[in-house]
Amino acid sequence: AEELHWALGQISPLHSECIVLHYLEGFTLDEIGLIVESPIGTVKSRIYYAKKALRDLLSTEVPDHEAQ
């Protein structure tokens, strides 16, 4: 969970917002569209690119941010 929160902080706020709303808060794509005031296609795109960025970040070595 700590690595995921770190990775969410590394991606675009627009992307991380959609990921958090969908996967952590349980909102539907339609509901997210209303919340972020964007069309559903934009929400889907943000989630797609956020998942790709998170996958890339989490597949590499995560820095020891506890030491910071």
C-alpha atoms as a PDB file:
ATOM      1  CA  ALA A   1       0.000   0.000   0.000  1.00  0.00           C
ATOM      2  CA  GLU A   2       2.855   2.365   0.792  1.00  0.00           C
ATOM      3  CA  GLU A   3       4.403   1.844  -2.645  1.00  0.00           C
ATOM      4  CA  LEU A   4       1.054   2.503  -4.313  1.00  0.00           C
ATOM      5  CA  HIS A   5       0.584   5.761  -2.418  1.00  0.00           C
ATOM      6  CA  TRP A   6       4.120   6.781  -3.355  1.00  0.00           C
ATOM      7  CA  ALA A   7       3.448   5.984  -7.031  1.00  0.00           C
ATOM      8  CA  LEU A   8       0.139   7.888  -6.989  1.00  0.00           C
ATOM      9  CA  GLY A   9       2.094  10.932  -5.845  1.00  0.00           C
ATOM     10  CA  GLN A  10       4.435  10.601  -8.818  1.00  0.00           C
ATOM     11  CA  ILE A  11       1.800  10.764 -11.567  1.00  0.00           C
ATOM     12  CA  SER A  12      -0.356  13.629 -12.774  1.00  0.00           C
ATOM     13  CA  PRO A  13      -2.921  14.817 -10.221  1.00  0.00           C
ATOM     14  CA  LEU A  14      -5.655  14.488 -12.864  1.00  0.00           C
ATOM     15  CA  HIS A  15      -4.711  10.862 -13.410  1.00  0.00           C
ATOM     16  CA  SER A  16      -4.297   9.951  -9.762  1.00  0.00           C
ATOM     17  CA  GLU A  17      -7.637  11.588  -8.913  1.00  0.00           C
ATOM     18  CA  CYS A  18      -9.477   9.317 -11.355  1.00  0.00           C
ATOM     19  CA  ILE A  19      -7.656   6.219 -10.073  1.00  0.00           C
ATOM     20  CA  VAL A  20      -8.455   7.046  -6.456  1.00  0.00           C
ATOM     21  CA  LEU A  21     -12.094   7.826  -7.194  1.00  0.00           C
ATOM     22  CA  HIS A  22     -12.605   4.641  -9.204  1.00  0.00           C
ATOM     23  CA  TYR A  23     -10.529   1.980  -7.462  1.00  0.00           C
ATOM     24  CA  LEU A  24     -10.291   3.256  -3.900  1.00  0.00           C
ATOM     25  CA  GLU A  25     -13.565   5.153  -3.487  1.00  0.00           C
ATOM     26  CA  GLY A  26     -15.674   2.929  -5.762  1.00  0.00           C
ATOM     27  CA  PHE A  27     -17.234   5.583  -7.994  1.00  0.00           C
ATOM     28  CA  THR A  28     -18.500   4.605 -11.445  1.00  0.00           C
ATOM     29  CA  LEU A  29     -17.042   6.178 -14.563  1.00  0.00           C
ATOM     30  CA  ASP A  30     -20.199   8.255 -14.992  1.00  0.00           C
ATOM     31  CA  GLU A  31     -19.958   9.520 -11.415  1.00  0.00           C
ATOM     32  CA  ILE A  32     -16.289  10.388 -11.847  1.00  0.00           C
ATOM     33  CA  GLY A  33     -17.150  12.327 -14.995  1.00  0.00           C
ATOM     34  CA  LEU A  34     -19.588  14.429 -12.991  1.00  0.00           C
ATOM     35  CA  ILE A  35     -17.106  14.938 -10.150  1.00  0.00           C
ATOM     36  CA  VAL A  36     -14.191  16.012 -12.353  1.00  0.00           C
ATOM     37  CA  GLU A  37     -16.480  17.754 -14.855  1.00  0.00           C
ATOM     38  CA  SER A  38     -15.136  15.789 -17.821  1.00  0.00           C
ATOM     39  CA  PRO A  39     -16.681  13.496 -20.424  1.00  0.00           C
ATOM     40  CA  ILE A  40     -16.593   9.764 -19.718  1.00  0.00           C
ATOM     41  CA  GLY A  41     -14.098   9.290 -22.563  1.00  0.00           C
ATOM     42  CA  THR A  42     -11.667  11.599 -20.786  1.00  0.00           C
ATOM     43  CA  VAL A  43     -12.160   9.709 -17.525  1.00  0.00           C
ATOM     44  CA  LYS A  44     -11.467   6.394 -19.278  1.00  0.00           C
ATOM     45  CA  SER A  45      -8.355   7.857 -20.909  1.00  0.00           C
ATOM     46  CA  ARG A  46      -7.036   9.216 -17.615  1.00  0.00           C
ATOM     47  CA  ILE A  47      -7.544   5.861 -15.912  1.00  0.00           C
ATOM     48  CA  TYR A  48      -5.845   4.019 -18.783  1.00  0.00           C
ATOM     49  CA  TYR A  49      -2.780   6.267 -18.761  1.00  0.00           C
ATOM     50  CA  ALA A  50      -2.663   6.348 -14.957  1.00  0.00           C
ATOM     51  CA  LYS A  51      -2.636   2.543 -14.808  1.00  0.00           C
ATOM     52  CA  LYS A  52       0.143   2.449 -17.401  1.00  0.00           C
ATOM     53  CA  ALA A  53       2.213   5.007 -15.465  1.00  0.00           C
ATOM     54  CA  LEU A  54       1.644   3.191 -12.172  1.00  0.00           C
ATOM     55  CA  ARG A  55       2.589  -0.127 -13.758  1.00  0.00           C
ATOM     56  CA  ASP A  56       5.812   1.415 -15.076  1.00  0.00           C
ATOM     57  CA  LEU A  57       6.652   3.037 -11.738  1.00  0.00           C
ATOM     58  CA  LEU A  58       5.910  -0.034  -9.655  1.00  0.00           C
ATOM     59  CA  SER A  59       7.827  -2.381 -11.936  1.00  0.00           C
ATOM     60  CA  THR A  60      11.032  -0.418 -11.315  1.00  0.00           C
ATOM     61  CA  GLU A  61      12.823  -0.125  -8.023  1.00  0.00           C
ATOM     62  CA  VAL A  62      10.951   2.107  -5.611  1.00  0.00           C
ATOM     63  CA  PRO A  63      13.291   4.541  -3.830  1.00  0.00           C
ATOM     64  CA  ASP A  64      13.580   4.326  -0.064  1.00  0.00           C
ATOM     65  CA  HIS A  65      11.477   7.401   0.670  1.00  0.00           C
ATOM     66  CA  GLU A  66      11.368   6.651   4.395  1.00  0.00           C
ATOM     67  CA  ALA A  67      14.937   7.903   4.637  1.00  0.00           C
ATOM     68  CA  GLN A  68      13.944  11.287   3.206  1.00  0.00           C
END
